[in-house]
């Protein structure tokens, strides 16, 4: 189904700018104009691709198995990409800090760009720069998954995800984060006796 009116009225989004509306307001607007089946899939347009209510004893257990497909290739591709990114991030971060005894889930090599993005981000010295790099990679992945049919439901799903990325980015506070990082780092050094 095509969503000509909904897609045509959307303000353009740019990665380096603020969100023109909240993701909650957009979700409400989109749900009112979409078919019931397509609107139901808006629930899967989240930055955490784990199924709702999926929790386990350790972090990452919600990602142990690939997610069951939903009726939307965009959402299935997004969730597979983000799952691969998160599992690879966990693997590379554990290797970086030489965490012994860490039980990690098998990190998939596919999608290859998600695995490579995780490897690059884990190698960065600045956590802030790594988060910006990850969010930019997410933005690019969303663009790739949307395809060229501008008035399709994929455009609506991608728009919602991008709004959520912009909201997440607006929460970053560089100075406060750096001060917190320095405090945590000093506490770790003090605890290790270094």
Protein backbone atom coordinates (compact mmCIF):
# COMPACT_ATOMS: atom_id res chain seq x y z
CA UNK A 1 0.00 0.00 0.00
CA UNK A 2 1.24 3.47 -0.84
CA UNK A 3 1.09 6.36 1.60
CA UNK A 4 1.29 9.33 -0.75
CA UNK A 5 -0.25 11.96 1.51
CA UNK A 6 1.57 10.87 4.66
CA UNK A 7 5.00 10.63 3.04
CA UNK A 8 4.58 13.88 1.07
CA UNK A 9 3.80 15.95 4.16
CA UNK A 10 6.85 14.84 6.16
CA UNK A 11 9.52 17.45 6.84
CA UNK A 12 12.94 16.39 5.62
CA UNK A 13 15.25 14.86 8.19
CA UNK A 14 18.97 15.54 8.35
CA UNK A 15 21.34 13.64 10.60
CA UNK A 16 23.03 16.75 11.96
CA UNK A 17 19.83 18.65 12.77
CA UNK A 18 17.16 18.39 15.42
CA UNK A 19 13.97 16.40 15.09
CA UNK A 20 11.06 18.44 13.65
CA UNK A 21 8.62 16.48 15.84
CA UNK A 22 8.72 13.82 18.51
CA UNK A 23 8.69 10.17 17.55
CA UNK A 24 5.57 9.70 19.68
CA UNK A 25 3.70 12.43 17.78
CA UNK A 26 4.80 11.01 14.45
CA UNK A 27 3.83 7.48 15.47
CA UNK A 28 0.36 8.72 16.36
CA UNK A 29 0.05 10.61 13.06
CA UNK A 30 1.27 7.63 11.03
CA UNK A 31 -0.90 5.06 12.81
CA UNK A 32 -4.01 7.12 12.07
CA UNK A 33 -3.24 7.16 8.33
CA UNK A 34 -1.92 3.63 7.81
CA UNK A 35 -3.73 0.35 7.36
CA UNK A 36 -4.16 -1.64 10.56
CA UNK A 37 -1.59 -4.25 9.52
CA UNK A 38 1.03 -1.66 8.57
CA UNK A 39 0.37 0.45 11.66
CA UNK A 40 0.85 -2.59 13.90
CA UNK A 41 4.41 -2.90 12.58
CA UNK A 42 5.24 0.55 13.94
CA UNK A 43 5.74 -1.20 17.29
CA UNK A 44 8.83 -2.88 15.81
CA UNK A 45 10.43 0.41 14.76
CA UNK A 46 12.64 0.77 17.80
CA UNK A 47 16.34 1.24 18.34
CA UNK A 48 16.38 -1.91 20.47
CA UNK A 49 15.32 -4.68 18.13
CA UNK A 50 14.67 -7.27 20.84
CA UNK A 51 11.08 -8.50 20.90
CA UNK A 52 8.93 -6.79 23.49
CA UNK A 53 9.21 -8.53 26.84
CA UNK A 54 12.32 -10.49 25.81
CA UNK A 55 14.56 -10.42 28.83
CA UNK A 56 16.98 -12.89 30.25
CA UNK A 57 19.38 -13.45 33.06
CA UNK A 58 22.32 -11.77 31.35
CA UNK A 59 22.67 -8.88 28.99
CA UNK A 60 22.35 -10.00 25.40
CA UNK A 61 20.24 -13.08 26.07
CA UNK A 62 17.33 -11.42 24.26
CA UNK A 63 19.57 -11.56 21.19
CA UNK A 64 20.52 -15.24 21.54
CA UNK A 65 18.44 -16.31 18.58
CA UNK A 66 17.56 -14.39 15.44
CA UNK A 67 14.22 -12.68 15.79
CA UNK A 68 11.18 -14.29 14.20
CA UNK A 69 10.26 -12.49 11.00
CA UNK A 70 7.39 -10.05 10.88
CA UNK A 71 5.40 -9.11 7.81
CA UNK A 72 7.85 -6.50 6.64
CA UNK A 73 11.22 -6.96 4.98
CA UNK A 74 12.37 -3.48 6.09
CA UNK A 75 11.77 -4.28 9.75
CA UNK A 76 13.27 -7.77 9.45
CA UNK A 77 16.41 -6.34 7.84
CA UNK A 78 16.66 -3.56 10.43
CA UNK A 79 16.29 -5.94 13.35
CA UNK A 80 18.86 -8.38 11.91
CA UNK A 81 21.30 -5.52 11.30
CA UNK A 82 20.92 -4.02 14.77
CA UNK A 83 21.16 -7.47 16.41
CA UNK A 84 24.40 -8.17 14.53
CA UNK A 85 25.74 -4.75 15.48
CA UNK A 86 24.99 -5.21 19.18
CA UNK A 87 26.39 -8.74 19.39
CA UNK A 88 29.55 -7.73 17.54
CA UNK A 89 29.94 -4.67 19.77
CA UNK A 90 29.74 -6.89 22.84
CA UNK A 91 32.33 -9.24 21.37
CA UNK A 92 34.81 -6.52 20.39
CA UNK A 93 34.38 -4.59 23.62
CA UNK A 94 35.01 -7.76 25.65
CA UNK A 95 38.16 -8.43 23.62
CA UNK A 96 39.30 -4.83 24.04
CA UNK A 97 39.10 -4.92 27.82
CA UNK A 98 40.37 -8.51 27.91
CA UNK A 99 37.39 -9.58 29.93
CA UNK A 100 38.03 -13.14 31.02
CA UNK A 101 35.22 -15.60 31.47
CA UNK A 102 32.79 -13.39 29.61
CA UNK A 103 30.14 -15.53 28.06
CA UNK A 104 29.15 -13.91 24.87
CA UNK A 105 26.73 -15.00 22.26
CA UNK A 106 27.98 -15.93 18.84
CA UNK A 107 28.23 -12.68 16.92
CA UNK A 108 26.98 -13.05 13.34
CA UNK A 109 29.18 -11.97 10.46
CA UNK A 110 26.13 -10.97 8.45
CA UNK A 111 25.24 -8.24 7.70
CA UNK A 112 28.91 -7.57 7.08
CA UNK A 113 28.56 -3.80 7.36
CA UNK A 114 27.06 -4.17 10.86
CA UNK A 115 29.96 -6.38 11.97
CA UNK A 116 32.52 -3.98 10.50
CA UNK A 117 30.77 -0.97 12.07
CA UNK A 118 30.98 -2.64 15.49
CA UNK A 119 34.66 -3.42 15.03
CA UNK A 120 35.46 0.16 14.04
CA UNK A 121 33.41 1.66 16.89
CA UNK A 122 34.96 -0.64 19.50
CA UNK A 123 38.43 0.48 18.42
CA UNK A 124 37.64 4.17 19.00
CA UNK A 125 39.13 5.82 22.09
CA UNK A 126 36.28 8.24 22.66
CA UNK A 127 32.97 6.68 23.74
CA UNK A 128 31.16 9.79 22.54
CA UNK A 129 32.73 9.61 19.07
CA UNK A 130 31.95 5.89 18.95
CA UNK A 131 28.28 6.54 19.72
CA UNK A 132 28.10 9.22 17.04
CA UNK A 133 29.75 6.84 14.58
CA UNK A 134 27.27 4.07 15.47
CA UNK A 135 24.27 6.35 15.08
CA UNK A 136 25.52 7.57 11.70
CA UNK A 137 25.93 3.95 10.58
CA UNK A 138 22.39 3.22 11.79
CA UNK A 139 21.10 6.19 9.79
CA UNK A 140 22.87 4.94 6.66
CA UNK A 141 21.52 1.42 7.17
CA UNK A 142 17.98 2.79 7.46
CA UNK A 143 18.48 4.69 4.20
CA UNK A 144 19.65 1.51 2.50
CA UNK A 145 16.73 -0.57 3.81
CA UNK A 146 14.10 1.97 2.78
CA UNK A 147 14.67 1.42 -0.89
CA UNK A 148 13.57 3.74 -3.68
CA UNK A 149 9.79 3.56 -3.30
CA UNK A 150 9.34 6.83 -1.47
CA UNK A 151 5.64 6.46 -0.72
CA UNK A 152 5.83 2.93 0.68
CA UNK A 153 5.44 1.88 4.28
CA UNK A 154 9.22 1.46 4.46
CA UNK A 155 9.59 5.23 4.20
CA UNK A 156 7.26 5.63 7.18
CA UNK A 157 9.11 3.01 9.22
CA UNK A 158 12.47 4.55 8.34
CA UNK A 159 11.23 8.01 9.26
CA UNK A 160 10.15 6.82 12.70
CA UNK A 161 13.51 5.16 13.31
CA UNK A 162 15.36 8.29 12.20
CA UNK A 163 13.28 10.43 14.54
CA UNK A 164 14.25 8.10 17.37
CA UNK A 165 17.92 8.42 16.43
CA UNK A 166 17.63 12.22 16.44
CA UNK A 167 15.93 12.13 19.85
CA UNK A 168 18.67 9.87 21.18
CA UNK A 169 21.34 12.18 19.84
CA UNK A 170 19.68 15.20 21.46
CA UNK A 171 20.18 13.50 24.83
CA UNK A 172 23.97 13.48 24.44
CA UNK A 173 25.55 16.13 26.57
CA UNK A 174 29.24 16.31 25.70
CA UNK A 175 30.62 18.18 28.70
CA UNK A 176 28.60 16.26 31.28
CA UNK A 177 29.42 12.96 29.62
CA UNK A 178 33.14 13.71 29.51
CA UNK A 179 33.16 14.72 33.17
CA UNK A 180 31.35 11.50 34.09
CA UNK A 181 33.75 9.47 31.95
CA UNK A 182 36.78 11.04 33.66
CA UNK A 183 35.27 10.33 37.08
CA UNK A 184 34.54 6.71 36.24
CA UNK A 185 37.97 6.24 34.73
CA UNK A 186 39.65 7.66 37.83
CA UNK A 187 37.56 5.37 40.04
CA UNK A 188 38.56 2.34 37.96
CA UNK A 189 42.22 3.27 38.14
CA UNK A 190 41.98 3.78 41.90
CA UNK A 191 40.24 0.42 42.37
CA UNK A 192 42.85 -1.40 40.27
CA UNK A 193 45.74 0.18 42.19
CA UNK A 194 47.24 1.71 39.06
